[in-house]
Protein backbone atom coordinates (compact mmCIF):
# COMPACT_ATOMS: atom_id res chain seq x y z
CA MET A 1 -28.88 -25.70 39.74
CA ILE A 2 -31.64 -28.22 40.38
CA ALA A 3 -34.43 -27.87 37.85
CA PRO A 4 -37.76 -26.87 39.33
CA ILE A 5 -40.29 -29.69 39.76
CA ALA A 6 -43.15 -27.29 39.05
CA MET A 7 -43.50 -23.74 37.86
CA CYS A 8 -46.32 -21.34 37.16
CA VAL A 9 -46.21 -17.88 35.60
CA ALA A 10 -49.08 -15.42 35.83
CA LEU A 11 -49.28 -12.01 34.13
CA ALA A 12 -51.24 -9.13 35.60
CA ALA A 13 -54.11 -7.76 33.58
CA VAL A 14 -55.83 -5.50 36.09
CA SER A 15 -54.46 -2.16 34.95
CA SER A 16 -51.34 -0.76 33.36
CA ALA A 17 -50.32 0.76 36.72
CA ALA A 18 -50.48 -2.62 38.42
CA ALA A 19 -49.04 -4.64 35.54
CA ALA A 20 -46.40 -7.10 36.73
CA SER A 21 -45.35 -10.67 36.33
CA ALA A 22 -44.53 -13.32 38.90
CA VAL A 23 -43.21 -16.85 38.95
CA LEU A 24 -43.57 -19.52 41.62
CA GLU A 25 -41.11 -22.43 41.40
CA LEU A 26 -41.03 -25.65 43.41
CA HIS A 27 -37.71 -27.36 44.12
CA GLU A 28 -36.75 -30.43 46.10
CA ALA A 29 -35.31 -29.50 49.51
CA GLU A 30 -33.27 -31.08 52.27
CA PRO A 31 -34.86 -31.61 55.70
CA PRO A 32 -34.11 -28.85 58.20
CA GLU A 33 -31.48 -29.13 60.90
CA PRO A 34 -32.74 -30.21 64.35
CA ALA A 35 -34.45 -27.34 66.10
CA ALA A 36 -32.56 -25.44 68.78
CA THR A 37 -33.68 -25.55 72.39
CA VAL A 38 -36.86 -23.50 72.78
CA GLU A 39 -36.78 -20.62 75.27
CA ARG A 40 -39.21 -21.01 78.17
CA ARG A 41 -40.62 -18.43 80.58
CA PRO A 42 -42.43 -18.82 83.92
CA ASP A 43 -46.06 -19.97 83.57
CA GLN A 44 -45.71 -19.96 79.76
CA LEU A 45 -48.45 -21.62 77.71
CA PRO A 46 -47.24 -25.15 76.78
CA GLY A 47 -46.21 -25.41 73.14
CA SER A 48 -46.06 -21.65 72.66
CA HIS A 49 -43.14 -19.43 71.65
CA VAL A 50 -41.47 -16.33 73.06
CA ALA A 51 -41.38 -13.31 70.74
CA ARG A 52 -38.16 -11.28 70.88
CA GLY A 53 -38.11 -7.55 70.15
CA SER A 54 -35.45 -4.92 69.51
CA ALA A 55 -37.39 -1.81 70.58
CA ASN A 56 -39.11 -1.09 73.90
CA ILE A 57 -40.23 -4.72 74.34
CA ALA A 58 -37.43 -7.23 74.91
CA ALA A 59 -39.72 -10.28 74.98
CA ALA A 60 -43.43 -11.15 74.98
CA TRP A 61 -45.14 -14.48 75.60
CA LEU A 62 -48.49 -16.10 76.45
CA ALA A 63 -48.99 -17.30 80.02
CA GLY A 64 -51.60 -18.46 82.48
CA PRO A 65 -52.66 -21.78 80.90
CA THR A 66 -56.38 -22.46 81.25
CA SER A 67 -58.91 -25.04 80.04
CA ARG A 68 -61.92 -22.70 80.22
CA TYR A 69 -62.38 -22.62 76.40
CA ASP A 70 -62.41 -26.09 74.83
CA HIS A 71 -62.17 -25.28 71.11
CA ALA A 72 -58.83 -27.17 70.80
CA VAL A 73 -58.23 -25.74 67.32
CA LEU A 74 -54.49 -25.68 68.11
CA GLY A 75 -54.30 -29.30 69.20
CA ASP A 76 -55.46 -29.28 72.81
CA GLY A 77 -57.99 -27.59 75.09
CA ILE A 78 -55.40 -25.41 76.83
CA GLU A 79 -55.24 -21.70 75.99
CA ALA A 80 -53.62 -18.66 77.61
CA SER A 81 -55.32 -16.27 80.00
CA GLN A 82 -52.42 -13.82 80.19
CA LEU A 83 -50.08 -11.79 78.00
CA ALA A 84 -46.66 -11.21 79.59
CA VAL A 85 -43.99 -8.69 78.59
CA GLU A 86 -40.39 -8.06 79.60
CA THR A 87 -39.51 -4.45 78.79
CA ARG A 88 -36.16 -3.28 77.46
CA GLY A 89 -35.42 -1.88 80.92
CA GLY A 90 -36.04 -5.25 82.57
CA GLY A 91 -39.56 -4.59 83.87
CA MET A 92 -42.10 -7.44 83.95
CA LEU A 93 -45.70 -6.70 82.95
CA VAL A 94 -48.74 -9.01 82.80
CA HIS A 95 -52.19 -8.44 81.32
CA THR A 96 -54.92 -10.85 82.50
CA LEU A 97 -58.09 -11.45 80.49
CA PRO A 98 -61.57 -11.69 82.02
CA ALA A 99 -62.94 -15.19 82.66
CA THR A 100 -64.94 -15.25 79.39
CA ARG A 101 -61.87 -14.74 77.15
CA VAL A 102 -58.60 -16.44 76.20
CA PHE A 103 -55.64 -15.82 73.94
CA GLU A 104 -56.21 -18.54 71.31
CA ASP A 105 -52.72 -18.33 69.90
CA LEU A 106 -49.18 -19.70 70.23
CA ALA A 107 -47.04 -16.55 70.04
CA PRO A 108 -47.46 -12.77 70.21
CA ARG A 109 -46.22 -10.83 67.17
CA LEU A 110 -44.24 -7.61 67.61
CA ALA A 111 -44.38 -4.74 65.11
CA ASP A 112 -44.19 -0.94 65.24
CA LEU A 113 -47.52 -0.34 63.53
CA ASP A 114 -47.72 3.43 64.01
CA GLY A 115 -44.05 4.33 63.46
CA ASP A 116 -43.47 5.80 66.94
CA GLY A 117 -40.41 3.64 67.63
CA GLU A 118 -42.23 1.34 70.06
CA ASP A 119 -43.64 -2.07 69.26
CA GLU A 120 -47.27 -3.05 69.35
CA ILE A 121 -48.27 -6.65 70.15
CA LEU A 122 -50.63 -8.59 67.86
CA VAL A 123 -52.41 -11.60 69.29
CA VAL A 124 -55.59 -13.64 68.76
CA GLU A 125 -58.09 -12.86 71.53
CA THR A 126 -61.19 -15.05 71.72
CA ASP A 127 -64.50 -14.54 73.48
CA ALA A 128 -66.27 -17.71 74.60
CA ALA A 129 -69.57 -16.64 73.04
CA ARG A 130 -68.41 -14.55 70.06
CA GLY A 131 -65.31 -16.30 68.72
CA ALA A 132 -61.94 -14.86 67.79
CA SER A 133 -60.67 -11.37 67.05
CA LEU A 134 -57.25 -9.90 66.34
CA ALA A 135 -56.19 -7.59 69.17
CA VAL A 136 -53.43 -4.98 69.23
CA TYR A 137 -51.79 -4.33 72.60
CA ALA A 138 -49.02 -1.97 73.69
CA VAL A 139 -47.01 -1.14 76.78
CA ALA A 140 -48.69 1.83 78.43
CA GLY A 141 -47.11 3.26 81.56
CA ASP A 142 -46.64 0.43 84.03
CA GLY A 143 -49.06 -1.94 82.28
CA ILE A 144 -50.24 -3.47 79.01
CA ALA A 145 -53.25 -1.89 77.29
CA ARG A 146 -55.40 -2.98 74.36
CA LYS A 147 -55.21 -0.33 71.63
CA ALA A 148 -57.55 -1.81 69.00
CA MET A 149 -59.19 -5.03 67.90
CA THR A 150 -61.15 -6.43 64.98
CA PRO A 151 -64.78 -7.42 65.51
CA PHE A 152 -65.24 -10.92 66.93
CA LEU A 153 -66.16 -13.48 64.27
CA GLY A 154 -69.65 -13.78 65.70
CA GLN A 155 -69.99 -17.16 67.41
CA SER A 156 -68.11 -19.71 69.50
CA TYR A 157 -65.49 -21.92 67.87
CA ARG A 158 -64.71 -19.52 65.06
CA TRP A 159 -61.01 -18.69 64.77
CA LEU A 160 -58.58 -16.58 62.74
CA ASN A 161 -54.88 -16.88 61.98
CA PRO A 162 -52.72 -13.75 61.64
CA LEU A 163 -50.65 -13.78 58.45
CA GLY A 164 -48.33 -10.86 59.12
CA VAL A 165 -47.71 -7.15 58.65
CA GLY A 166 -46.43 -5.20 55.67
CA ASP A 167 -47.14 -2.22 53.46
CA PHE A 168 -49.81 -3.86 51.31
CA ASP A 169 -51.29 -0.73 49.72
CA GLY A 170 -48.07 1.21 49.08
CA ASP A 171 -48.81 4.17 51.36
CA GLY A 172 -45.62 3.75 53.41
CA ARG A 173 -47.39 2.49 56.56
CA LEU A 174 -47.68 -1.02 57.95
CA ASP A 175 -50.95 -2.88 57.44
CA ILE A 176 -52.14 -6.15 58.98
CA ALA A 177 -53.17 -9.34 57.16
CA LEU A 178 -55.08 -12.27 58.66
CA VAL A 179 -57.06 -15.26 57.48
CA ALA A 180 -60.50 -15.49 59.08
CA THR A 181 -62.06 -18.97 59.49
CA PRO A 182 -59.23 -20.76 57.64
CA HIS A 183 -61.08 -24.09 57.95
CA ILE A 184 -64.40 -22.74 56.66
CA GLY A 185 -64.01 -20.86 53.36
CA GLY A 186 -60.96 -18.95 54.61
CA ARG A 187 -60.97 -15.20 53.98
CA LEU A 188 -57.78 -13.14 53.64
CA ARG A 189 -58.55 -9.77 55.24
CA LEU A 190 -56.42 -6.62 55.26
CA TYR A 191 -56.60 -3.93 57.96
CA ARG A 192 -55.20 -0.45 58.51
CA TYR A 193 -54.28 0.45 62.08
CA THR A 194 -55.12 3.87 63.48
CA ALA A 195 -55.65 3.57 67.22
CA PRO A 196 -58.23 2.90 68.49
CA THR A 197 -59.51 1.26 65.30
CA LEU A 198 -58.58 -1.46 62.84
CA THR A 199 -60.24 -0.71 59.51
CA ARG A 200 -60.73 -3.50 56.98
CA PHE A 201 -59.94 -2.33 53.44
CA ALA A 202 -59.86 -5.54 51.38
CA GLU A 203 -60.60 -9.25 51.49
CA ILE A 204 -60.74 -12.34 49.30
CA GLY A 205 -61.85 -15.92 49.90
CA GLY A 206 -60.58 -19.34 48.92
CA VAL A 207 -57.45 -19.41 51.10
CA SER A 208 -56.33 -21.26 54.23
CA THR A 209 -53.28 -21.04 56.52
CA HIS A 210 -54.06 -23.74 59.08
CA ALA A 211 -55.29 -27.30 59.54
CA ILE A 212 -57.56 -28.09 62.50
CA GLY A 213 -55.56 -29.41 65.45
CA SER A 214 -52.20 -28.32 64.05
CA ARG A 215 -49.66 -26.11 65.82
CA GLU A 216 -48.24 -24.95 62.48
CA LEU A 217 -49.41 -21.34 62.10
CA GLY A 218 -47.02 -20.18 59.37
CA LEU A 219 -48.46 -21.79 56.24
CA GLY A 220 -48.71 -18.29 54.78
CA ARG A 221 -46.08 -15.53 54.57
CA VAL A 222 -45.75 -11.87 53.65
CA VAL A 223 -43.47 -11.46 50.60
CA PRO A 224 -41.53 -8.16 50.59
CA TYR A 225 -41.68 -6.13 47.36
CA THR A 226 -40.32 -2.67 46.58
CA ASP A 227 -43.69 -1.06 45.80
CA ARG A 228 -46.07 -2.97 48.07
CA ASP A 229 -45.81 -6.30 49.86
CA ARG A 230 -47.57 -9.45 48.66
CA PHE A 231 -48.97 -12.65 50.20
CA LEU A 232 -47.92 -16.26 49.69
CA LEU A 233 -50.41 -18.76 51.10
CA PRO A 234 -52.24 -22.02 50.33
CA ASP A 235 -55.61 -22.34 48.72
CA GLN A 236 -58.48 -23.83 50.72
CA SER A 237 -57.44 -27.41 49.89
CA HIS A 238 -53.77 -26.85 50.85
CA ARG A 239 -52.90 -28.45 47.47
CA ALA A 240 -51.65 -25.25 45.82
CA LEU A 241 -49.76 -22.10 46.79
CA ARG A 242 -51.04 -18.70 45.66
CA LEU A 243 -49.19 -15.40 45.33
CA LEU A 244 -51.66 -12.55 45.89
CA GLU A 245 -51.44 -8.77 45.87
CA TRP A 246 -53.66 -5.84 46.75
CA THR A 247 -54.66 -3.47 43.95
CA PRO A 248 -57.06 -0.50 43.96
CA ASP A 249 -59.57 -2.85 42.32
CA GLY A 250 -59.21 -5.54 45.00
CA ILE A 251 -56.95 -8.46 45.83
CA ARG A 252 -55.83 -10.47 42.80
CA GLU A 253 -53.76 -13.56 42.12
CA MET A 254 -50.33 -12.98 40.56
CA ALA A 255 -49.35 -16.67 40.33
CA HIS A 256 -50.09 -20.09 41.73
CA VAL A 257 -48.44 -23.49 41.70
CA ALA A 258 -49.96 -26.91 42.37
CA LEU A 259 -48.37 -29.09 45.07
CA PRO A 260 -47.78 -32.86 44.78
CA SER A 261 -49.59 -33.26 48.13
CA ALA A 262 -51.00 -30.92 50.74
CA ILE A 263 -48.70 -28.59 52.63
CA GLU A 264 -48.30 -29.65 56.28
CA THR A 265 -45.70 -27.39 57.90
CA SER A 266 -45.02 -23.69 58.13
CA LEU A 267 -43.15 -21.91 55.35
CA GLU A 268 -39.61 -21.62 56.76
CA PRO A 269 -37.40 -18.91 55.21
CA THR A 270 -34.31 -20.35 53.50
CA GLY A 271 -33.13 -17.22 51.67
CA ASN A 272 -34.46 -14.18 49.86
CA ASP A 273 -37.94 -14.96 48.50
CA ARG A 274 -37.73 -18.69 49.18
CA TRP A 275 -39.30 -20.93 51.82
CA ARG A 276 -39.06 -24.61 52.74
CA PHE A 277 -41.98 -26.78 53.85
CA ARG A 278 -43.01 -30.42 54.23
CA THR A 279 -46.00 -32.00 52.55
CA ARG A 280 -48.34 -34.52 54.15
CA ALA A 281 -46.56 -37.19 52.12
CA GLY A 282 -43.35 -36.37 54.02
CA ARG A 283 -41.60 -34.65 51.11
CA TYR A 284 -39.55 -31.47 51.69
CA LEU A 285 -39.94 -28.78 49.06
CA GLU A 286 -38.81 -25.21 48.56
CA VAL A 287 -40.98 -22.58 46.92
CA ARG A 288 -39.22 -19.66 45.23
CA VAL A 289 -40.82 -16.39 44.23
CA HIS A 290 -39.43 -14.55 41.19
């Protein structure tokens, strides 16, 4: 076994009920294999990805490229004006946004948020005057309908990056995590979904899951745990990784580990509780959660 190049242990001291320990280890890693050919769909947003589902939605993707919102936070001034879905039965559905909005994202995310056996679609929806929000869509009859959304961030050129879904508070239902304004004092925010509302129930600052102009959206990941799921994500400088958890007293840090240089690529799963990434210095590392 290769010895870890860095390790940090943190012990919980919030309450006896939440007491736990965690370890983050850094190991050298091999570069990944060349990427497979990326699936493309008609009118798909350039540089975006198709989401595959196993429930009522077979595939979902962003379409209708447009230059009507020039934020370019994802590397260019082209965003999507449409959300497209292929249903399990082979039907093709398209939802088109009004002229003042875009999907400022690179891939829809599929998850059965309400436990009804059908997937919802999570995507970043941005208003030209009010900035980004996280929207939840679903197949409804012969169309696609918005079921809920967070408030817009309040002004143009303010963006958020979804982190993922998981049971963060231990109640047996899926919650949603996102990082609001990851380039400006990033805030990890947690939401409960009960259509037609998304209710924020916790947040903490000092984190970031994106660099301006990058197409790498997976710098943070949800870490599955038996009691409640945790979060692995960089600090604001991208020079350390933090393992965070929700507690009844708020979000707290379980562990962190300093990086030899800033993280540059998404955390790519390489096994149970381990992820590979590349630093800005070109070095491949693997972080392991114990």
